[in-house]
Structures are given as C-alpha cells and as structure tokens.
C-alpha cells in the first residue's frame, strides 16, 4: 500500500541537508522533477535499495531531476550509512522528534520512494523494494534527459522483485 498515492500533490517541505545547506522542495521542483527516498539506517530493505538508487543517480548525472535521500535518523548515524553504502546524492535530515515530512507523506514503512513531477504531482509512490518501480524511476530519469535508459541491474545479479519495507 503506497503512502501518498500517485496523482496526489506532494506536500511542500524544507529540510536541512547533511552539508549544512537547506533544501526546499519548491525550489528543486522549479528545476525539474524530484526523487525523494525516505529511509532509516537500520532498515535492511533501505540498505538493499539505496545502492541501486545510487546507480540510477550516477548514470544520469547532469539530469534536471533532483535525487534526495531523507533520513529518519540523526546526523551521526546517517553519515555512517552514507559512507557504508557509498551514497553521493544529497541526503536530508528529518526532524526525528516529530517526523513532520514523513507524516505529511503518510509514511508507514521505509524505504518509501516518490517521483514528484515538476507540477508537484506524485507519479511514482513506491513502498519497500519493488524492482519494477525502481526500473520505472530509472526510465523516467532517462526520459527526462531524452536518452535511452541504461540497465540498473547487472546480468550476474540476482535482484529480488519485491521485498517489504
């Protein structure tokens, strides 16, 4: 069951980034779509999913699409996660005392990944690990650049079709 469903308007949010800057969804959407991936560092499905999101991010460098992770943990634990899993896309820090952004997006499980179109419409709402939806995000990234999509998964990898979050 998705959090906020496709077709809904994405709630506005502002969060601090790991580098000390401030992220505004409104400002990011002015440049193009946003992929917002919510996670907890202790979540095994997040640990499984994020290296694949990193592949998508790296294979579409120069894209007008903004990719951000949204951590439901403190800065110290999030730093360790970023280092362990080789994440180079920006990561934001949720307020762990109230989880206002997670709550606004109706999160019940992580990872939850949203593709938010420039007009704020949620076009992908993916809860847990759904291989097909990761491929859909990769295709949307390629389409936004008007290039063919590169495969996310290597032929020698056994990649689960679904893993609940």
N, C-alpha and C. Protein backbone atom coordinates (compact mmCIF):
# COMPACT_ATOMS: atom_id res chain seq x y z
N UNK A 1 0.86 -1.19 0.00
CA UNK A 1 0.00 0.00 0.00
C UNK A 1 0.89 1.23 0.00
N UNK A 2 0.78 2.07 -1.03
CA UNK A 2 1.60 3.27 -1.08
C UNK A 2 1.24 4.24 0.02
N UNK A 3 2.18 5.08 0.36
CA UNK A 3 1.92 6.16 1.29
C UNK A 3 0.99 7.13 0.56
N UNK A 4 1.45 8.31 0.19
CA UNK A 4 0.63 9.16 -0.66
C UNK A 4 0.57 8.52 -2.04
N UNK A 5 -0.61 8.38 -2.58
CA UNK A 5 -0.78 7.68 -3.84
C UNK A 5 -0.42 8.56 -5.03
N UNK A 6 -0.19 7.90 -6.15
CA UNK A 6 0.07 8.63 -7.39
C UNK A 6 -1.14 9.50 -7.71
N UNK A 7 -0.85 10.62 -8.35
CA UNK A 7 -1.91 11.56 -8.71
C UNK A 7 -2.15 12.64 -7.66
N UNK A 8 -1.66 12.41 -6.46
CA UNK A 8 -1.81 13.40 -5.38
C UNK A 8 -0.74 14.47 -5.50
N UNK A 9 -0.98 15.62 -4.91
CA UNK A 9 0.01 16.69 -4.87
C UNK A 9 0.97 16.43 -3.72
N UNK A 10 2.25 16.58 -4.00
CA UNK A 10 3.27 16.38 -2.97
C UNK A 10 3.28 17.57 -2.02
N UNK A 11 3.24 17.32 -0.71
CA UNK A 11 3.32 18.42 0.25
C UNK A 11 4.68 19.12 0.18
N UNK A 12 4.66 20.42 0.32
CA UNK A 12 5.88 21.22 0.36
C UNK A 12 6.66 20.87 1.62
N UNK A 13 7.98 20.89 1.54
CA UNK A 13 8.82 20.73 2.73
C UNK A 13 10.15 21.42 2.54
N UNK A 14 10.75 21.75 3.67
CA UNK A 14 12.10 22.30 3.75
C UNK A 14 12.82 21.51 4.82
N UNK A 15 14.01 21.00 4.48
CA UNK A 15 14.79 20.23 5.44
C UNK A 15 16.27 20.58 5.32
N UNK A 16 17.00 20.44 6.43
CA UNK A 16 18.45 20.65 6.34
C UNK A 16 19.12 19.46 5.66
N UNK A 17 20.12 19.77 4.87
CA UNK A 17 20.92 18.73 4.21
C UNK A 17 22.13 18.40 5.06
N UNK A 18 22.74 17.27 4.79
CA UNK A 18 23.92 16.83 5.54
C UNK A 18 25.06 17.84 5.43
N UNK A 19 25.13 18.54 4.29
CA UNK A 19 26.22 19.51 4.10
C UNK A 19 25.95 20.85 4.75
N UNK A 20 24.83 20.98 5.48
CA UNK A 20 24.50 22.22 6.18
C UNK A 20 23.61 23.16 5.39
N UNK A 21 23.40 22.89 4.11
CA UNK A 21 22.51 23.73 3.31
C UNK A 21 21.06 23.41 3.64
N UNK A 22 20.16 24.21 3.11
CA UNK A 22 18.73 24.00 3.32
C UNK A 22 18.12 23.56 2.00
N UNK A 23 17.30 22.52 2.01
CA UNK A 23 16.63 22.01 0.82
C UNK A 23 15.18 22.45 0.85
N UNK A 24 14.71 22.97 -0.28
CA UNK A 24 13.30 23.35 -0.43
C UNK A 24 12.74 22.56 -1.61
N UNK A 25 11.67 21.82 -1.38
CA UNK A 25 11.04 21.09 -2.47
C UNK A 25 10.59 22.06 -3.56
N UNK A 26 10.01 23.16 -3.17
CA UNK A 26 9.52 24.15 -4.15
C UNK A 26 10.66 24.61 -5.07
N UNK A 27 11.81 24.94 -4.49
CA UNK A 27 12.95 25.40 -5.30
C UNK A 27 13.46 24.28 -6.21
N UNK A 28 13.53 23.05 -5.71
CA UNK A 28 14.00 21.92 -6.52
C UNK A 28 13.05 21.66 -7.68
N UNK A 29 11.75 21.72 -7.44
CA UNK A 29 10.78 21.46 -8.49
C UNK A 29 10.80 22.54 -9.58
N UNK A 30 11.29 23.72 -9.24
CA UNK A 30 11.43 24.78 -10.25
C UNK A 30 12.47 24.37 -11.30
N UNK A 31 13.38 23.46 -10.95
CA UNK A 31 14.42 22.97 -11.88
C UNK A 31 14.00 21.69 -12.60
N UNK A 32 13.01 20.97 -12.06
CA UNK A 32 12.58 19.72 -12.66
C UNK A 32 12.05 18.76 -11.61
N UNK A 33 11.78 17.51 -12.00
CA UNK A 33 11.24 16.52 -11.06
C UNK A 33 12.19 16.23 -9.90
N UNK A 34 11.62 15.63 -8.85
CA UNK A 34 12.39 15.27 -7.65
C UNK A 34 12.10 13.80 -7.31
N UNK A 35 13.16 13.06 -7.02
CA UNK A 35 13.03 11.71 -6.46
C UNK A 35 13.36 11.87 -4.97
N UNK A 36 12.38 11.59 -4.12
CA UNK A 36 12.55 11.69 -2.67
C UNK A 36 12.47 10.29 -2.08
N UNK A 37 13.58 9.85 -1.48
CA UNK A 37 13.67 8.48 -0.96
C UNK A 37 13.84 8.53 0.56
N UNK A 38 12.80 8.15 1.28
CA UNK A 38 12.81 8.14 2.74
C UNK A 38 13.43 6.83 3.23
N UNK A 39 14.24 6.91 4.31
CA UNK A 39 14.90 5.71 4.82
C UNK A 39 15.26 5.84 6.29
N UNK A 40 15.53 4.68 6.89
CA UNK A 40 16.13 4.56 8.22
C UNK A 40 17.41 3.76 8.04
N UNK A 41 18.45 4.14 8.76
CA UNK A 41 19.74 3.48 8.58
C UNK A 41 19.71 2.01 8.99
N UNK A 42 18.86 1.64 9.94
CA UNK A 42 18.80 0.25 10.43
C UNK A 42 17.92 -0.65 9.58
N UNK A 43 17.27 -0.09 8.58
CA UNK A 43 16.32 -0.84 7.74
C UNK A 43 17.07 -1.68 6.71
N UNK A 44 16.97 -3.01 6.76
CA UNK A 44 17.67 -3.85 5.80
C UNK A 44 17.22 -3.64 4.36
N UNK A 45 15.95 -3.31 4.14
CA UNK A 45 15.46 -3.08 2.79
C UNK A 45 16.01 -1.75 2.25
N UNK A 46 16.17 -0.77 3.13
CA UNK A 46 16.81 0.50 2.72
C UNK A 46 18.27 0.24 2.33
N UNK A 47 18.94 -0.58 3.11
CA UNK A 47 20.34 -0.93 2.82
C UNK A 47 20.44 -1.65 1.48
N UNK A 48 19.43 -2.41 1.13
CA UNK A 48 19.37 -3.13 -0.13
C UNK A 48 19.09 -2.16 -1.29
N UNK A 49 18.16 -1.23 -1.08
CA UNK A 49 17.68 -0.34 -2.15
C UNK A 49 18.62 0.80 -2.49
N UNK A 50 19.26 1.39 -1.49
CA UNK A 50 19.99 2.63 -1.73
C UNK A 50 21.18 2.49 -2.68
N UNK A 51 21.92 1.41 -2.68
CA UNK A 51 22.98 1.29 -3.69
C UNK A 51 22.42 1.29 -5.13
N UNK A 52 21.22 0.76 -5.33
CA UNK A 52 20.61 0.81 -6.66
C UNK A 52 20.16 2.23 -7.01
N UNK A 53 19.65 2.97 -6.02
CA UNK A 53 19.31 4.38 -6.26
C UNK A 53 20.57 5.17 -6.60
N UNK A 54 21.67 4.83 -5.96
CA UNK A 54 22.95 5.48 -6.26
C UNK A 54 23.35 5.22 -7.71
N UNK A 55 23.17 3.99 -8.17
CA UNK A 55 23.46 3.68 -9.58
C UNK A 55 22.64 4.54 -10.52
N UNK A 56 21.36 4.67 -10.23
CA UNK A 56 20.49 5.49 -11.07
C UNK A 56 20.98 6.93 -11.06
N UNK A 57 21.28 7.43 -9.88
CA UNK A 57 21.76 8.81 -9.74
C UNK A 57 23.03 9.03 -10.56
N UNK A 58 24.00 8.12 -10.42
CA UNK A 58 25.26 8.28 -11.14
C UNK A 58 25.09 8.13 -12.65
N UNK A 59 24.21 7.24 -13.08
CA UNK A 59 24.07 7.03 -14.52
C UNK A 59 23.33 8.17 -15.21
N UNK A 60 22.74 9.06 -14.43
CA UNK A 60 22.00 10.19 -15.00
C UNK A 60 22.56 11.52 -14.52
N UNK A 61 23.88 11.58 -14.33
CA UNK A 61 24.47 12.85 -13.90
C UNK A 61 24.19 13.92 -14.96
N UNK A 62 23.99 15.11 -14.52
CA UNK A 62 23.64 16.19 -15.44
C UNK A 62 22.16 16.30 -15.71
N UNK A 63 21.38 15.43 -15.08
CA UNK A 63 19.93 15.45 -15.26
C UNK A 63 19.33 16.65 -14.54
N UNK A 64 18.17 17.07 -15.01
CA UNK A 64 17.42 18.13 -14.32
C UNK A 64 16.63 17.56 -13.14
N UNK A 65 16.70 16.25 -12.95
CA UNK A 65 15.99 15.59 -11.86
C UNK A 65 16.85 15.67 -10.60
N UNK A 66 16.25 16.09 -9.50
CA UNK A 66 16.93 16.13 -8.21
C UNK A 66 16.63 14.84 -7.46
N UNK A 67 17.67 14.18 -6.98
CA UNK A 67 17.52 12.97 -6.17
C UNK A 67 17.96 13.32 -4.75
N UNK A 68 17.10 13.04 -3.78
CA UNK A 68 17.46 13.26 -2.38
C UNK A 68 17.03 12.07 -1.53
N UNK A 69 17.87 11.72 -0.59
CA UNK A 69 17.51 10.79 0.46
C UNK A 69 16.99 11.60 1.63
N UNK A 70 16.03 11.06 2.35
CA UNK A 70 15.51 11.74 3.54
C UNK A 70 15.65 10.77 4.70
N UNK A 71 16.62 11.07 5.56
CA UNK A 71 16.96 10.18 6.67
C UNK A 71 16.06 10.43 7.87
N UNK A 72 15.59 9.34 8.45
CA UNK A 72 14.82 9.40 9.68
C UNK A 72 15.72 9.12 10.89
N UNK A 73 17.00 9.46 10.75
CA UNK A 73 17.98 9.25 11.80
C UNK A 73 18.77 10.52 12.04
N UNK A 74 19.60 10.49 13.10
CA UNK A 74 20.43 11.65 13.40
C UNK A 74 21.60 11.75 12.41
N UNK A 75 22.29 12.86 12.47
CA UNK A 75 23.36 13.14 11.51
C UNK A 75 24.51 12.13 11.62
N UNK A 76 24.88 11.75 12.84
CA UNK A 76 25.99 10.82 13.03
C UNK A 76 25.68 9.45 12.39
N UNK A 77 24.52 8.91 12.68
CA UNK A 77 24.14 7.60 12.12
C UNK A 77 23.95 7.68 10.60
N UNK A 78 23.40 8.80 10.13
CA UNK A 78 23.20 8.99 8.70
C UNK A 78 24.54 9.07 7.97
N UNK A 79 25.51 9.73 8.58
CA UNK A 79 26.86 9.81 7.99
C UNK A 79 27.45 8.42 7.81
N UNK A 80 27.30 7.58 8.82
CA UNK A 80 27.82 6.21 8.74
C UNK A 80 27.13 5.43 7.61
N UNK A 81 25.84 5.59 7.46
CA UNK A 81 25.07 4.92 6.39
C UNK A 81 25.57 5.38 5.02
N UNK A 82 25.72 6.69 4.85
CA UNK A 82 26.18 7.26 3.58
C UNK A 82 27.54 6.68 3.21
N UNK A 83 28.42 6.62 4.18
CA UNK A 83 29.78 6.10 3.93
C UNK A 83 29.74 4.60 3.63
N UNK A 84 28.99 3.84 4.40
CA UNK A 84 28.95 2.39 4.22
C UNK A 84 28.37 1.99 2.86
N UNK A 85 27.35 2.71 2.40
CA UNK A 85 26.66 2.32 1.17
C UNK A 85 27.05 3.19 -0.03
N UNK A 86 28.04 4.07 0.13
CA UNK A 86 28.57 4.84 -0.99
C UNK A 86 27.59 5.80 -1.62
N UNK A 87 26.78 6.44 -0.82
CA UNK A 87 25.76 7.36 -1.33
C UNK A 87 26.39 8.72 -1.60
N UNK A 88 26.21 9.23 -2.82
CA UNK A 88 26.76 10.54 -3.18
C UNK A 88 25.68 11.57 -3.48
N UNK A 89 24.42 11.14 -3.61
CA UNK A 89 23.37 12.14 -3.82
C UNK A 89 23.06 12.82 -2.49
N UNK A 90 22.49 14.02 -2.52
CA UNK A 90 22.22 14.74 -1.28
C UNK A 90 21.28 13.98 -0.35
N UNK A 91 21.57 14.08 0.94
CA UNK A 91 20.74 13.45 1.96
C UNK A 91 20.28 14.53 2.93
N UNK A 92 19.00 14.50 3.21
CA UNK A 92 18.36 15.47 4.10
C UNK A 92 18.07 14.80 5.44
N UNK A 93 17.93 15.63 6.47
CA UNK A 93 17.67 15.11 7.81
C UNK A 93 16.27 15.50 8.27
N UNK A 94 15.46 14.49 8.51
CA UNK A 94 14.10 14.67 9.05
C UNK A 94 14.20 15.02 10.53
N UNK A 95 13.26 15.76 11.04
CA UNK A 95 13.16 16.06 12.47
C UNK A 95 12.71 14.77 13.17
N UNK A 96 13.64 14.12 13.87
CA UNK A 96 13.35 12.80 14.46
C UNK A 96 12.52 12.88 15.74
N UNK A 97 12.18 14.07 16.19
CA UNK A 97 11.31 14.16 17.36
C UNK A 97 9.83 14.14 16.96
N UNK A 98 9.52 14.58 15.70
CA UNK A 98 8.13 14.66 15.26
C UNK A 98 7.88 14.06 13.89
N UNK A 99 8.89 13.88 13.07
CA UNK A 99 8.77 13.34 11.70
C UNK A 99 7.71 14.07 10.87
N UNK A 100 7.76 15.42 10.80
CA UNK A 100 6.70 16.14 10.10
C UNK A 100 6.61 15.84 8.60
N UNK A 101 7.74 15.65 7.93
CA UNK A 101 7.69 15.39 6.49
C UNK A 101 7.23 13.96 6.24
N UNK A 102 7.77 13.01 6.98
CA UNK A 102 7.32 11.62 6.84
C UNK A 102 5.82 11.51 7.08
N UNK A 103 5.33 12.20 8.09
CA UNK A 103 3.90 12.17 8.39
C UNK A 103 3.08 12.83 7.29
N UNK A 104 3.57 13.94 6.74
CA UNK A 104 2.86 14.63 5.66
C UNK A 104 2.74 13.74 4.43
N UNK A 105 3.73 12.85 4.24
CA UNK A 105 3.71 11.94 3.10
C UNK A 105 3.07 10.59 3.42
N UNK A 106 2.53 10.46 4.63
CA UNK A 106 1.79 9.26 5.00
C UNK A 106 2.63 8.01 5.17
N UNK A 107 3.90 8.17 5.52
CA UNK A 107 4.77 7.00 5.61
C UNK A 107 4.38 6.06 6.74
N UNK A 108 4.36 4.78 6.42
CA UNK A 108 4.19 3.73 7.42
C UNK A 108 5.37 2.77 7.37
N UNK A 109 6.11 2.75 6.26
CA UNK A 109 7.25 1.86 6.08
C UNK A 109 8.34 2.59 5.30
N UNK A 110 9.55 2.12 5.47
CA UNK A 110 10.67 2.58 4.65
C UNK A 110 11.35 1.36 4.05
N UNK A 111 12.01 1.52 2.92
CA UNK A 111 12.08 2.75 2.16
C UNK A 111 10.74 3.07 1.49
N UNK A 112 10.49 4.35 1.34
CA UNK A 112 9.39 4.83 0.52
C UNK A 112 9.99 5.86 -0.42
N UNK A 113 9.75 5.66 -1.71
CA UNK A 113 10.37 6.50 -2.73
C UNK A 113 9.27 7.11 -3.59
N UNK A 114 9.39 8.42 -3.79
CA UNK A 114 8.42 9.16 -4.60
C UNK A 114 9.12 9.78 -5.81
N UNK A 115 8.47 9.70 -6.97
CA UNK A 115 8.85 10.53 -8.12
C UNK A 115 7.83 11.65 -8.13
N UNK A 116 8.33 12.88 -7.94
CA UNK A 116 7.45 14.05 -7.88
C UNK A 116 7.72 14.87 -9.13
N UNK A 117 6.69 15.01 -9.97
CA UNK A 117 6.81 15.80 -11.20
C UNK A 117 6.95 17.28 -10.86
N UNK A 118 7.44 18.04 -11.82
CA UNK A 118 7.68 19.47 -11.60
C UNK A 118 6.42 20.22 -11.18
N UNK A 119 5.24 19.70 -11.53
CA UNK A 119 3.99 20.35 -11.13
C UNK A 119 3.50 19.87 -9.76
N UNK A 120 4.34 19.14 -9.01
CA UNK A 120 4.09 18.61 -7.66
C UNK A 120 3.25 17.34 -7.65
N UNK A 121 2.90 16.80 -8.81
CA UNK A 121 2.12 15.57 -8.86
C UNK A 121 3.02 14.38 -8.57
N UNK A 122 2.58 13.51 -7.66
CA UNK A 122 3.31 12.28 -7.39
C UNK A 122 3.01 11.30 -8.51
N UNK A 123 4.04 10.89 -9.24
CA UNK A 123 3.87 9.98 -10.37
C UNK A 123 4.30 8.55 -10.04
N UNK A 124 5.17 8.38 -9.04
CA UNK A 124 5.54 7.05 -8.55
C UNK A 124 5.52 7.14 -7.03
N UNK A 125 4.88 6.18 -6.40
CA UNK A 125 4.85 6.06 -4.95
C UNK A 125 5.19 4.61 -4.63
N UNK A 126 6.42 4.38 -4.21
CA UNK A 126 6.94 3.02 -4.04
C UNK A 126 7.28 2.75 -2.58
N UNK A 127 6.67 1.73 -2.01
CA UNK A 127 6.91 1.37 -0.60
C UNK A 127 7.62 0.03 -0.56
N UNK A 128 8.70 -0.03 0.22
CA UNK A 128 9.51 -1.24 0.28
C UNK A 128 10.39 -1.31 -0.96
N UNK A 129 10.77 -2.50 -1.33
CA UNK A 129 11.57 -2.70 -2.56
C UNK A 129 10.67 -3.31 -3.60
N UNK A 130 10.43 -2.57 -4.68
CA UNK A 130 9.66 -3.08 -5.81
C UNK A 130 10.54 -2.84 -7.05
N UNK A 131 11.16 -3.91 -7.54
CA UNK A 131 12.10 -3.82 -8.65
C UNK A 131 11.50 -3.08 -9.84
N UNK A 132 10.27 -3.40 -10.18
CA UNK A 132 9.60 -2.77 -11.33
C UNK A 132 9.50 -1.25 -11.15
N UNK A 133 9.25 -0.79 -9.95
CA UNK A 133 9.13 0.65 -9.70
C UNK A 133 10.50 1.33 -9.73
N UNK A 134 11.54 0.64 -9.32
CA UNK A 134 12.91 1.18 -9.44
C UNK A 134 13.25 1.33 -10.92
N UNK A 135 12.87 0.34 -11.72
CA UNK A 135 13.10 0.43 -13.16
C UNK A 135 12.29 1.57 -13.77
N UNK A 136 11.09 1.80 -13.26
CA UNK A 136 10.26 2.90 -13.74
C UNK A 136 10.92 4.26 -13.44
N UNK A 137 11.48 4.40 -12.25
CA UNK A 137 12.19 5.64 -11.89
C UNK A 137 13.40 5.82 -12.81
N UNK A 138 14.13 4.75 -13.06
CA UNK A 138 15.28 4.83 -13.97
C UNK A 138 14.82 5.27 -15.37
N UNK A 139 13.71 4.72 -15.85
CA UNK A 139 13.20 5.09 -17.17
C UNK A 139 12.77 6.56 -17.20
N UNK A 140 12.13 7.02 -16.14
CA UNK A 140 11.72 8.42 -16.08
C UNK A 140 12.95 9.34 -16.09
N UNK A 141 14.01 8.93 -15.40
CA UNK A 141 15.25 9.72 -15.41
C UNK A 141 15.78 9.80 -16.83
N UNK A 142 15.82 8.67 -17.53
CA UNK A 142 16.31 8.65 -18.91
C UNK A 142 15.41 9.50 -19.81
N UNK A 143 14.10 9.35 -19.67
CA UNK A 143 13.16 10.13 -20.48
C UNK A 143 13.36 11.63 -20.27
N UNK A 144 13.65 12.02 -19.03
CA UNK A 144 13.83 13.45 -18.74
C UNK A 144 15.06 14.01 -19.45
N UNK A 145 16.02 13.14 -19.77
CA UNK A 145 17.23 13.55 -20.47
C UNK A 145 17.15 13.24 -21.97
N UNK A 146 16.08 12.59 -22.39
CA UNK A 146 15.89 12.21 -23.80
C UNK A 146 17.00 11.27 -24.26
N UNK A 147 17.32 10.31 -23.39
CA UNK A 147 18.33 9.29 -23.72
C UNK A 147 17.76 7.92 -23.40
N UNK A 148 18.30 6.87 -24.01
CA UNK A 148 17.84 5.52 -23.66
C UNK A 148 18.25 5.20 -22.21
N UNK A 149 17.40 4.45 -21.54
CA UNK A 149 17.71 4.04 -20.16
C UNK A 149 18.80 2.98 -20.17
N UNK A 150 19.77 3.15 -19.26
CA UNK A 150 20.78 2.12 -19.04
C UNK A 150 20.21 1.16 -18.00
N UNK A 151 20.54 -0.12 -18.10
CA UNK A 151 20.03 -1.06 -17.10
C UNK A 151 20.53 -0.71 -15.69
N UNK A 152 19.66 -0.82 -14.72
CA UNK A 152 20.03 -0.60 -13.33
C UNK A 152 20.71 -1.85 -12.77
N UNK A 153 20.27 -3.00 -13.22
CA UNK A 153 20.72 -4.26 -12.65
C UNK A 153 21.67 -4.96 -13.61
N UNK A 154 22.71 -5.54 -13.05
CA UNK A 154 23.70 -6.26 -13.85
C UNK A 154 23.21 -7.69 -14.09
N UNK A 155 23.55 -8.25 -15.26
CA UNK A 155 23.06 -9.61 -15.59
C UNK A 155 23.43 -10.66 -14.54
N UNK A 156 24.57 -10.50 -13.90
CA UNK A 156 25.01 -11.51 -12.93
C UNK A 156 24.35 -11.34 -11.55
N UNK A 157 23.61 -10.27 -11.34
CA UNK A 157 22.98 -10.02 -10.04
C UNK A 157 21.63 -10.72 -9.95
N UNK A 158 21.39 -11.31 -8.82
CA UNK A 158 20.04 -11.80 -8.51
C UNK A 158 19.35 -10.71 -7.71
N UNK A 159 18.36 -10.10 -8.32
CA UNK A 159 17.68 -8.97 -7.69
C UNK A 159 16.24 -9.36 -7.41
N UNK A 160 15.86 -9.22 -6.17
CA UNK A 160 14.50 -9.56 -5.75
C UNK A 160 13.49 -8.68 -6.46
N UNK A 161 12.36 -9.25 -6.84
CA UNK A 161 11.28 -8.49 -7.46
C UNK A 161 10.57 -7.63 -6.39
N UNK A 162 10.50 -8.14 -5.16
CA UNK A 162 9.79 -7.44 -4.10
C UNK A 162 10.38 -7.83 -2.76
N UNK A 163 10.53 -6.83 -1.91
CA UNK A 163 10.89 -7.05 -0.50
C UNK A 163 10.12 -6.02 0.31
N UNK A 164 9.30 -6.45 1.25
CA UNK A 164 8.52 -5.49 2.04
C UNK A 164 9.43 -4.64 2.91
N UNK A 165 9.03 -3.38 3.09
CA UNK A 165 9.81 -2.45 3.92
C UNK A 165 9.43 -2.57 5.38
